């Protein structure tokens, strides 16, 4: 099992700075998701900034979320 997220900071360029429980920090690019389904709403910068840690992963105000394993494995 990959480490879970304890903190998230949204950036202006639709990336997220993720802090993991193992002390690592990684950058996740949300841009590839912004033209897919419910993630289209996140093009609204004010909604994008509502992201918060949630049960070891992240979640936005309108319920969008991503798998914590995807966030860990696909971030740099």
PDB file of N, CA and C in Angstrom:
ATOM      1  N   UNK A   1       0.849  -1.184   0.000  1.00  0.00           N
ATOM      2  CA  UNK A   1       0.000   0.000   0.000  1.00  0.00           C
ATOM      3  C   UNK A   1       0.890   1.241   0.000  1.00  0.00           C
ATOM      4  N   UNK A   2       0.547   2.189  -0.833  1.00  0.00           N
ATOM      5  CA  UNK A   2       1.303   3.435  -0.925  1.00  0.00           C
ATOM      6  C   UNK A   2       0.942   4.373   0.226  1.00  0.00           C
ATOM      7  N   UNK A   3       1.844   5.306   0.556  1.00  0.00           N
ATOM      8  CA  UNK A   3       1.552   6.255   1.635  1.00  0.00           C
ATOM      9  C   UNK A   3       0.343   7.133   1.305  1.00  0.00           C
ATOM     10  N   UNK A   4      -0.336   7.547   2.328  1.00  0.00           N
ATOM     11  CA  UNK A   4      -1.541   8.368   2.176  1.00  0.00           C
ATOM     12  C   UNK A   4      -1.205   9.843   2.330  1.00  0.00           C
ATOM     13  N   UNK A   5      -2.113  10.663   1.841  1.00  0.00           N
ATOM     14  CA  UNK A   5      -1.922  12.119   1.833  1.00  0.00           C
ATOM     15  C   UNK A   5      -2.351  12.714   3.164  1.00  0.00           C
ATOM     16  N   UNK A   6      -1.524  13.621   3.672  1.00  0.00           N
ATOM     17  CA  UNK A   6      -1.873  14.322   4.913  1.00  0.00           C
ATOM     18  C   UNK A   6      -2.090  15.811   4.672  1.00  0.00           C
ATOM     19  N   UNK A   7      -1.612  16.327   3.525  1.00  0.00           N
ATOM     20  CA  UNK A   7      -1.815  17.738   3.212  1.00  0.00           C
ATOM     21  C   UNK A   7      -1.772  17.931   1.700  1.00  0.00           C
ATOM     22  N   UNK A   8      -2.504  18.926   1.220  1.00  0.00           N
ATOM     23  CA  UNK A   8      -2.528  19.250  -0.210  1.00  0.00           C
ATOM     24  C   UNK A   8      -2.596  20.759  -0.381  1.00  0.00           C
ATOM     25  N   UNK A   9      -1.827  21.260  -1.337  1.00  0.00           N
ATOM     26  CA  UNK A   9      -1.833  22.693  -1.650  1.00  0.00           C
ATOM     27  C   UNK A   9      -2.073  22.848  -3.151  1.00  0.00           C
ATOM     28  N   UNK A  10      -3.186  23.511  -3.541  1.00  0.00           N
ATOM     29  CA  UNK A  10      -3.442  23.739  -4.963  1.00  0.00           C
ATOM     30  C   UNK A  10      -2.564  24.877  -5.486  1.00  0.00           C
ATOM     31  N   UNK A  11      -2.066  24.720  -6.703  1.00  0.00           N
ATOM     32  CA  UNK A  11      -1.241  25.735  -7.346  1.00  0.00           C
ATOM     33  C   UNK A  11      -1.990  26.367  -8.522  1.00  0.00           C
ATOM     34  N   UNK A  12      -1.552  27.542  -8.924  1.00  0.00           N
ATOM     35  CA  UNK A  12      -2.196  28.299 -10.006  1.00  0.00           C
ATOM     36  C   UNK A  12      -2.228  27.542 -11.332  1.00  0.00           C
ATOM     37  N   UNK A  13      -1.273  26.650 -11.564  1.00  0.00           N
ATOM     38  CA  UNK A  13      -1.163  25.954 -12.853  1.00  0.00           C
ATOM     39  C   UNK A  13      -1.892  24.602 -12.861  1.00  0.00           C
ATOM     40  N   UNK A  14      -2.860  24.429 -11.993  1.00  0.00           N
ATOM     41  CA  UNK A  14      -3.643  23.193 -11.889  1.00  0.00           C
ATOM     42  C   UNK A  14      -2.775  21.984 -11.531  1.00  0.00           C
ATOM     43  N   UNK A  15      -1.794  22.233 -10.682  1.00  0.00           N
ATOM     44  CA  UNK A  15      -1.044  21.147 -10.072  1.00  0.00           C
ATOM     45  C   UNK A  15      -1.333  21.180  -8.579  1.00  0.00           C
ATOM     46  N   UNK A  16      -1.026  20.080  -7.916  1.00  0.00           N
ATOM     47  CA  UNK A  16      -1.226  19.965  -6.478  1.00  0.00           C
ATOM     48  C   UNK A  16       0.095  19.571  -5.833  1.00  0.00           C
ATOM     49  N   UNK A  17       0.469  20.271  -4.793  1.00  0.00           N
ATOM     50  CA  UNK A  17       1.611  19.870  -3.984  1.00  0.00           C
ATOM     51  C   UNK A  17       1.062  18.960  -2.895  1.00  0.00           C
ATOM     52  N   UNK A  18       1.456  17.696  -2.944  1.00  0.00           N
ATOM     53  CA  UNK A  18       0.943  16.689  -2.023  1.00  0.00           C
ATOM     54  C   UNK A  18       1.985  16.348  -0.973  1.00  0.00           C
ATOM     55  N   UNK A  19       1.567  16.289   0.275  1.00  0.00           N
ATOM     56  CA  UNK A  19       2.425  15.839   1.370  1.00  0.00           C
ATOM     57  C   UNK A  19       1.900  14.489   1.834  1.00  0.00           C
ATOM     58  N   UNK A  20       2.799  13.508   1.877  1.00  0.00           N
ATOM     59  CA  UNK A  20       2.426  12.148   2.236  1.00  0.00           C
ATOM     60  C   UNK A  20       2.866  11.817   3.656  1.00  0.00           C
ATOM     61  N   UNK A  21       2.228  10.817   4.233  1.00  0.00           N
ATOM     62  CA  UNK A  21       2.494  10.435   5.617  1.00  0.00           C
ATOM     63  C   UNK A  21       3.921   9.954   5.846  1.00  0.00           C
ATOM     64  N   UNK A  22       4.633   9.587   4.781  1.00  0.00           N
ATOM     65  CA  UNK A  22       6.023   9.130   4.913  1.00  0.00           C
ATOM     66  C   UNK A  22       7.022  10.287   4.820  1.00  0.00           C
ATOM     67  N   UNK A  23       6.520  11.517   4.754  1.00  0.00           N
ATOM     68  CA  UNK A  23       7.376  12.698   4.690  1.00  0.00           C
ATOM     69  C   UNK A  23       7.686  13.187   3.284  1.00  0.00           C
ATOM     70  N   UNK A  24       7.322  12.416   2.270  1.00  0.00           N
ATOM     71  CA  UNK A  24       7.572  12.842   0.889  1.00  0.00           C
ATOM     72  C   UNK A  24       6.618  13.952   0.474  1.00  0.00           C
ATOM     73  N   UNK A  25       7.097  14.806  -0.422  1.00  0.00           N
ATOM     74  CA  UNK A  25       6.254  15.799  -1.079  1.00  0.00           C
ATOM     75  C   UNK A  25       6.397  15.587  -2.575  1.00  0.00           C
ATOM     76  N   UNK A  26       5.271  15.582  -3.266  1.00  0.00           N
ATOM     77  CA  UNK A  26       5.260  15.367  -4.710  1.00  0.00           C
ATOM     78  C   UNK A  26       4.283  16.326  -5.361  1.00  0.00           C
ATOM     79  N   UNK A  27       4.484  16.524  -6.669  1.00  0.00           N
ATOM     80  CA  UNK A  27       3.630  17.401  -7.455  1.00  0.00           C
ATOM     81  C   UNK A  27       2.777  16.550  -8.391  1.00  0.00           C
ATOM     82  N   UNK A  28       1.455  16.751  -8.343  1.00  0.00           N
ATOM     83  CA  UNK A  28       0.529  16.020  -9.203  1.00  0.00           C
ATOM     84  C   UNK A  28      -0.124  16.999 -10.162  1.00  0.00           C
ATOM     85  N   UNK A  29      -0.098  16.674 -11.449  1.00  0.00           N
ATOM     86  CA  UNK A  29      -0.680  17.520 -12.492  1.00  0.00           C
ATOM     87  C   UNK A  29      -2.119  17.092 -12.757  1.00  0.00           C
ATOM     88  N   UNK A  30      -3.072  17.981 -12.488  1.00  0.00           N
ATOM     89  CA  UNK A  30      -4.489  17.673 -12.676  1.00  0.00           C
ATOM     90  C   UNK A  30      -4.944  17.989 -14.103  1.00  0.00           C
ATOM     91  N   UNK A  31      -4.170  18.748 -14.863  1.00  0.00           N
ATOM     92  CA  UNK A  31      -4.584  19.185 -16.205  1.00  0.00           C
ATOM     93  C   UNK A  31      -5.097  18.062 -17.113  1.00  0.00           C
ATOM     94  N   UNK A  32      -4.474  16.873 -17.137  1.00  0.00           N
ATOM     95  CA  UNK A  32      -4.991  15.813 -18.014  1.00  0.00           C
ATOM     96  C   UNK A  32      -6.412  15.353 -17.671  1.00  0.00           C
ATOM     97  N   UNK A  33      -6.888  15.657 -16.486  1.00  0.00           N
ATOM     98  CA  UNK A  33      -8.224  15.239 -16.051  1.00  0.00           C
ATOM     99  C   UNK A  33      -9.293  16.304 -16.315  1.00  0.00           C
ATOM    100  N   UNK A  34      -8.898  17.521 -16.629  1.00  0.00           N
ATOM    101  CA  UNK A  34      -9.826  18.650 -16.673  1.00  0.00           C
ATOM    102  C   UNK A  34     -10.825  18.603 -17.829  1.00  0.00           C
ATOM    103  N   UNK A  35     -10.645  17.712 -18.778  1.00  0.00           N
ATOM    104  CA  UNK A  35     -11.601  17.575 -19.878  1.00  0.00           C
ATOM    105  C   UNK A  35     -12.406  16.290 -19.770  1.00  0.00           C
ATOM    106  N   UNK A  36     -12.417  15.693 -18.577  1.00  0.00           N
ATOM    107  CA  UNK A  36     -13.096  14.407 -18.376  1.00  0.00           C
ATOM    108  C   UNK A  36     -14.185  14.526 -17.315  1.00  0.00           C
ATOM    109  N   UNK A  37     -15.395  14.184 -17.705  1.00  0.00           N
ATOM    110  CA  UNK A  37     -16.516  14.058 -16.784  1.00  0.00           C
ATOM    111  C   UNK A  37     -16.640  15.158 -15.744  1.00  0.00           C
ATOM    112  N   UNK A  38     -16.814  14.730 -14.500  1.00  0.00           N
ATOM    113  CA  UNK A  38     -17.033  15.654 -13.390  1.00  0.00           C
ATOM    114  C   UNK A  38     -15.830  16.559 -13.122  1.00  0.00           C
ATOM    115  N   UNK A  39     -14.650  16.166 -13.596  1.00  0.00           N
ATOM    116  CA  UNK A  39     -13.448  16.971 -13.381  1.00  0.00           C
ATOM    117  C   UNK A  39     -13.463  18.267 -14.186  1.00  0.00           C
ATOM    118  N   UNK A  40     -14.336  18.368 -15.200  1.00  0.00           N
ATOM    119  CA  UNK A  40     -14.450  19.622 -15.977  1.00  0.00           C
ATOM    120  C   UNK A  40     -14.760  20.814 -15.072  1.00  0.00           C
ATOM    121  N   UNK A  41     -15.531  20.567 -14.018  1.00  0.00           N
ATOM    122  CA  UNK A  41     -15.885  21.644 -13.090  1.00  0.00           C
ATOM    123  C   UNK A  41     -14.653  22.276 -12.453  1.00  0.00           C
ATOM    124  N   UNK A  42     -13.563  21.520 -12.362  1.00  0.00           N
ATOM    125  CA  UNK A  42     -12.364  22.014 -11.696  1.00  0.00           C
ATOM    126  C   UNK A  42     -11.614  23.058 -12.513  1.00  0.00           C
ATOM    127  N   UNK A  43     -12.048  23.297 -13.757  1.00  0.00           N
ATOM    128  CA  UNK A  43     -11.471  24.389 -14.548  1.00  0.00           C
ATOM    129  C   UNK A  43     -11.768  25.733 -13.889  1.00  0.00           C
ATOM    130  N   UNK A  44     -12.839  25.765 -13.095  1.00  0.00           N
ATOM    131  CA  UNK A  44     -13.170  26.956 -12.300  1.00  0.00           C
ATOM    132  C   UNK A  44     -12.135  27.029 -11.172  1.00  0.00           C
ATOM    133  N   UNK A  45     -11.265  28.024 -11.260  1.00  0.00           N
ATOM    134  CA  UNK A  45     -10.144  28.125 -10.320  1.00  0.00           C
ATOM    135  C   UNK A  45     -10.604  28.173  -8.861  1.00  0.00           C
ATOM    136  N   UNK A  46     -11.719  28.850  -8.605  1.00  0.00           N
ATOM    137  CA  UNK A  46     -12.187  28.936  -7.217  1.00  0.00           C
ATOM    138  C   UNK A  46     -12.608  27.562  -6.701  1.00  0.00           C
ATOM    139  N   UNK A  47     -13.189  26.728  -7.552  1.00  0.00           N
ATOM    140  CA  UNK A  47     -13.551  25.367  -7.148  1.00  0.00           C
ATOM    141  C   UNK A  47     -12.297  24.501  -7.026  1.00  0.00           C
ATOM    142  N   UNK A  48     -11.349  24.668  -7.937  1.00  0.00           N
ATOM    143  CA  UNK A  48     -10.102  23.892  -7.870  1.00  0.00           C
ATOM    144  C   UNK A  48      -9.404  24.098  -6.527  1.00  0.00           C
ATOM    145  N   UNK A  49      -9.476  25.308  -6.018  1.00  0.00           N
ATOM    146  CA  UNK A  49      -8.793  25.638  -4.764  1.00  0.00           C
ATOM    147  C   UNK A  49      -9.484  25.073  -3.523  1.00  0.00           C
ATOM    148  N   UNK A  50     -10.643  24.427  -3.679  1.00  0.00           N
ATOM    149  CA  UNK A  50     -11.348  23.872  -2.522  1.00  0.00           C
ATOM    150  C   UNK A  50     -10.833  22.488  -2.128  1.00  0.00           C
ATOM    151  N   UNK A  51      -9.814  21.991  -2.798  1.00  0.00           N
ATOM    152  CA  UNK A  51      -9.298  20.649  -2.522  1.00  0.00           C
ATOM    153  C   UNK A  51      -8.782  20.549  -1.086  1.00  0.00           C
ATOM    154  N   UNK A  52      -9.071  19.409  -0.458  1.00  0.00           N
ATOM    155  CA  UNK A  52      -8.669  19.151   0.923  1.00  0.00           C
ATOM    156  C   UNK A  52      -8.276  17.684   1.066  1.00  0.00           C
ATOM    157  N   UNK A  53      -7.434  17.371   2.055  1.00  0.00           N
ATOM    158  CA  UNK A  53      -7.176  15.953   2.351  1.00  0.00           C
ATOM    159  C   UNK A  53      -8.483  15.295   2.808  1.00  0.00           C
ATOM    160  N   UNK A  54      -8.675  14.045   2.429  1.00  0.00           N
ATOM    161  CA  UNK A  54      -9.897  13.334   2.799  1.00  0.00           C
ATOM    162  C   UNK A  54      -9.612  11.835   2.846  1.00  0.00           C
ATOM    163  N   UNK A  55      -9.642  11.258   4.027  1.00  0.00           N
ATOM    164  CA  UNK A  55      -9.479   9.813   4.226  1.00  0.00           C
ATOM    165  C   UNK A  55      -8.245   9.253   3.518  1.00  0.00           C
ATOM    166  N   UNK A  56      -7.130   9.951   3.625  1.00  0.00           N
ATOM    167  CA  UNK A  56      -5.885   9.485   3.029  1.00  0.00           C
ATOM    168  C   UNK A  56      -5.705   9.857   1.576  1.00  0.00           C
ATOM    169  N   UNK A  57      -6.704  10.496   1.008  1.00  0.00           N
ATOM    170  CA  UNK A  57      -6.635  10.959  -0.380  1.00  0.00           C
ATOM    171  C   UNK A  57      -6.967  12.450  -0.391  1.00  0.00           C
ATOM    172  N   UNK A  58      -7.602  12.902  -1.470  1.00  0.00           N
ATOM    173  CA  UNK A  58      -8.044  14.298  -1.558  1.00  0.00           C
ATOM    174  C   UNK A  58      -9.472  14.333  -2.078  1.00  0.00           C
ATOM    175  N   UNK A  59     -10.144  15.457  -1.824  1.00  0.00           N
ATOM    176  CA  UNK A  59     -11.494  15.631  -2.334  1.00  0.00           C
ATOM    177  C   UNK A  59     -11.763  17.118  -2.507  1.00  0.00           C
ATOM    178  N   UNK A  60     -12.518  17.448  -3.562  1.00  0.00           N
ATOM    179  CA  UNK A  60     -12.954  18.822  -3.787  1.00  0.00           C
ATOM    180  C   UNK A  60     -14.366  19.016  -3.265  1.00  0.00           C
ATOM    181  N   UNK A  61     -14.766  20.260  -3.154  1.00  0.00           N
ATOM    182  CA  UNK A  61     -16.060  20.646  -2.588  1.00  0.00           C
ATOM    183  C   UNK A  61     -17.238  19.929  -3.254  1.00  0.00           C
ATOM    184  N   UNK A  62     -17.181  19.732  -4.568  1.00  0.00           N
ATOM    185  CA  UNK A  62     -18.295  19.098  -5.276  1.00  0.00           C
ATOM    186  C   UNK A  62     -18.180  17.581  -5.349  1.00  0.00           C
ATOM    187  N   UNK A  63     -17.229  16.997  -4.601  1.00  0.00           N
ATOM    188  CA  UNK A  63     -17.144  15.548  -4.492  1.00  0.00           C
ATOM    189  C   UNK A  63     -16.124  14.867  -5.382  1.00  0.00           C
ATOM    190  N   UNK A  64     -15.464  15.607  -6.267  1.00  0.00           N
ATOM    191  CA  UNK A  64     -14.430  14.982  -7.091  1.00  0.00           C
ATOM    192  C   UNK A  64     -13.318  14.476  -6.183  1.00  0.00           C
ATOM    193  N   UNK A  65     -12.810  13.309  -6.535  1.00  0.00           N
ATOM    194  CA  UNK A  65     -11.690  12.764  -5.781  1.00  0.00           C
ATOM    195  C   UNK A  65     -10.841  11.902  -6.711  1.00  0.00           C
ATOM    196  N   UNK A  66      -9.665  11.545  -6.241  1.00  0.00           N
ATOM    197  CA  UNK A  66      -8.758  10.695  -6.998  1.00  0.00           C
ATOM    198  C   UNK A  66      -8.231   9.604  -6.074  1.00  0.00           C
ATOM    199  N   UNK A  67      -7.928   8.469  -6.655  1.00  0.00           N
ATOM    200  CA  UNK A  67      -7.392   7.343  -5.898  1.00  0.00           C
ATOM    201  C   UNK A  67      -6.047   7.736  -5.279  1.00  0.00           C
ATOM    202  N   UNK A  68      -5.837   7.456  -3.994  1.00  0.00           N
ATOM    203  CA  UNK A  68      -4.566   7.821  -3.373  1.00  0.00           C
ATOM    204  C   UNK A  68      -3.371   7.135  -4.024  1.00  0.00           C
ATOM    205  N   UNK A  69      -3.551   5.929  -4.555  1.00  0.00           N
ATOM    206  CA  UNK A  69      -2.455   5.248  -5.239  1.00  0.00           C
ATOM    207  C   UNK A  69      -2.095   5.967  -6.535  1.00  0.00           C
ATOM    208  N   UNK A  70      -3.094   6.419  -7.274  1.00  0.00           N
ATOM    209  CA  UNK A  70      -2.845   7.202  -8.491  1.00  0.00           C
ATOM    210  C   UNK A  70      -2.081   8.472  -8.147  1.00  0.00           C
ATOM    211  N   UNK A  71      -2.499   9.139  -7.096  1.00  0.00           N
ATOM    212  CA  UNK A  71      -1.840  10.381  -6.700  1.00  0.00           C
ATOM    213  C   UNK A  71      -0.378  10.140  -6.349  1.00  0.00           C
ATOM    214  N   UNK A  72      -0.097   9.051  -5.672  1.00  0.00           N
ATOM    215  CA  UNK A  72       1.294   8.767  -5.287  1.00  0.00           C
ATOM    216  C   UNK A  72       2.133   8.326  -6.483  1.00  0.00           C
ATOM    217  N   UNK A  73       1.615   7.393  -7.251  1.00  0.00           N
ATOM    218  CA  UNK A  73       2.382   6.805  -8.352  1.00  0.00           C
ATOM    219  C   UNK A  73       2.565   7.748  -9.542  1.00  0.00           C
ATOM    220  N   UNK A  74       1.588   8.627  -9.787  1.00  0.00           N
ATOM    221  CA  UNK A  74       1.640   9.502 -10.964  1.00  0.00           C
ATOM    222  C   UNK A  74       2.150  10.902 -10.660  1.00  0.00           C
ATOM    223  N   UNK A  75       2.563  11.161  -9.443  1.00  0.00           N
ATOM    224  CA  UNK A  75       3.107  12.482  -9.117  1.00  0.00           C
ATOM    225  C   UNK A  75       4.621  12.426  -9.156  1.00  0.00           C
ATOM    226  N   UNK A  76       5.216  13.601  -9.285  1.00  0.00           N
ATOM    227  CA  UNK A  76       6.684  13.687  -9.409  1.00  0.00           C
ATOM    228  C   UNK A  76       7.270  14.444  -8.251  1.00  0.00           C
TER     229      UNK A  76
END
